[in-house]
């Protein structure tokens, strides 16, 4: 019984302290908020920050993907030719001829 009485008294003391703190706040702050009814654009900064972060992430991801696709398309045939030369499937003269054809953009067979 003593424990419940102590809990009730501490709850009452807490609520009394909260009410006295609320009574000390000016009425216009309670009614109008901390900006006294004036518009404040500060709340727009947080969503704007996250929108910019997401847009930057999308920009970097797309740019990286495009660069990798371009590199893979350009290096594909030359890479295969380099690997065949390294394995000894083509000799140096054939390697140089084919590399010249690839780099010139002329795709027809001779």
Protein backbone atom coordinates (compact mmCIF):
# COMPACT_ATOMS: atom_id res chain seq x y z
CA UNK A 1 0.00 0.00 0.00
CA UNK A 2 2.84 2.33 0.79
CA UNK A 3 4.37 1.71 -2.67
CA UNK A 4 1.13 2.56 -4.47
CA UNK A 5 0.73 5.72 -2.37
CA UNK A 6 4.30 6.77 -3.24
CA UNK A 7 3.66 6.12 -6.95
CA UNK A 8 0.43 8.13 -6.83
CA UNK A 9 2.18 11.03 -5.11
CA UNK A 10 5.06 11.04 -7.60
CA UNK A 11 2.59 10.94 -10.52
CA UNK A 12 0.69 13.83 -9.02
CA UNK A 13 3.91 15.76 -8.48
CA UNK A 14 4.95 15.13 -12.06
CA UNK A 15 1.62 16.29 -13.46
CA UNK A 16 1.70 19.37 -11.23
CA UNK A 17 5.22 20.21 -12.45
CA UNK A 18 4.13 19.76 -16.08
CA UNK A 19 1.11 22.01 -15.57
CA UNK A 20 3.18 24.72 -13.91
CA UNK A 21 5.72 24.57 -16.78
CA UNK A 22 2.89 24.84 -19.31
CA UNK A 23 1.46 27.79 -17.42
CA UNK A 24 4.75 29.67 -17.75
CA UNK A 25 4.72 29.40 -21.59
CA UNK A 26 3.23 32.53 -23.17
CA UNK A 27 -0.21 32.04 -24.66
CA UNK A 28 0.77 33.26 -28.13
CA UNK A 29 3.47 30.56 -28.33
CA UNK A 30 0.93 27.87 -27.55
CA UNK A 31 -1.60 29.22 -30.06
CA UNK A 32 0.66 30.28 -32.94
CA UNK A 33 3.75 28.11 -32.47
CA UNK A 34 7.34 29.22 -32.11
CA UNK A 35 7.19 31.51 -35.20
CA UNK A 36 4.18 33.46 -33.89
CA UNK A 37 2.05 32.66 -36.89
CA UNK A 38 4.63 33.68 -39.50
CA UNK A 39 5.57 31.30 -42.29
CA UNK A 40 8.99 29.76 -41.91
CA UNK A 41 10.61 27.90 -44.82
CA UNK A 42 12.97 25.91 -42.61
CA UNK A 43 10.76 22.84 -42.75
CA UNK A 44 11.38 22.66 -46.52
CA UNK A 45 15.12 22.14 -46.10
CA UNK A 46 14.92 18.55 -44.83
CA UNK A 47 12.84 17.14 -47.73
CA UNK A 48 14.87 19.24 -50.16
CA UNK A 49 18.10 17.77 -48.77
CA UNK A 50 16.86 14.19 -49.24
CA UNK A 51 15.53 14.93 -52.72
CA UNK A 52 18.97 16.28 -53.68
CA UNK A 53 20.72 13.25 -52.19
CA UNK A 54 18.47 10.84 -54.12
CA UNK A 55 18.85 12.84 -57.35
CA UNK A 56 22.63 12.85 -56.97
CA UNK A 57 22.63 9.10 -56.39
CA UNK A 58 20.51 8.50 -59.52
CA UNK A 59 22.75 10.82 -61.57
CA UNK A 60 25.95 9.07 -60.50
CA UNK A 61 24.46 5.60 -61.00
CA UNK A 62 23.22 6.37 -64.51
CA UNK A 63 26.48 8.02 -65.51
CA UNK A 64 28.51 5.06 -64.23
CA UNK A 65 26.22 2.57 -65.98
CA UNK A 66 26.42 4.44 -69.28
CA UNK A 67 30.21 4.71 -69.07
CA UNK A 68 30.51 0.98 -68.36
CA UNK A 69 28.20 0.11 -71.25
CA UNK A 70 30.18 2.32 -73.62
CA UNK A 71 33.47 0.88 -72.44
CA UNK A 72 32.24 -2.72 -72.76
CA UNK A 73 30.95 -2.09 -76.29
CA UNK A 74 34.18 -0.42 -77.38
CA UNK A 75 36.51 -2.91 -75.70
CA UNK A 76 34.60 -6.06 -76.57
CA UNK A 77 36.12 -6.95 -79.95
CA UNK A 78 39.55 -5.57 -79.08
CA UNK A 79 39.56 -7.53 -75.84
CA UNK A 80 38.71 -10.77 -77.61
CA UNK A 81 41.46 -10.11 -80.15
CA UNK A 82 43.98 -9.41 -77.36
CA UNK A 83 43.03 -12.66 -75.62
CA UNK A 84 43.39 -14.66 -78.86
CA UNK A 85 46.81 -13.09 -79.45
CA UNK A 86 47.87 -13.89 -75.87
CA UNK A 87 46.80 -17.53 -76.31
CA UNK A 88 48.74 -17.73 -79.57
CA UNK A 89 45.73 -18.27 -81.84
CA UNK A 90 46.77 -15.33 -84.08
CA UNK A 91 50.25 -14.12 -84.94
CA UNK A 92 51.52 -10.56 -84.56
CA UNK A 93 50.88 -9.44 -88.14
CA UNK A 94 47.32 -10.75 -88.13
CA UNK A 95 46.79 -9.16 -84.70
CA UNK A 96 47.98 -5.77 -85.94
CA UNK A 97 45.89 -5.99 -89.12
CA UNK A 98 42.73 -6.88 -87.25
CA UNK A 99 43.35 -4.23 -84.60
CA UNK A 100 43.80 -1.63 -87.34
CA UNK A 101 40.50 -2.69 -88.92
CA UNK A 102 38.72 -2.52 -85.56
CA UNK A 103 40.06 0.92 -84.72
CA UNK A 104 39.35 2.36 -88.17
CA UNK A 105 35.68 1.41 -87.91
CA UNK A 106 35.77 -0.54 -91.18
CA UNK A 107 33.82 -3.73 -90.42
CA UNK A 108 33.85 -5.45 -93.81
CA UNK A 109 35.86 -8.63 -94.31
CA UNK A 110 38.87 -8.64 -96.65
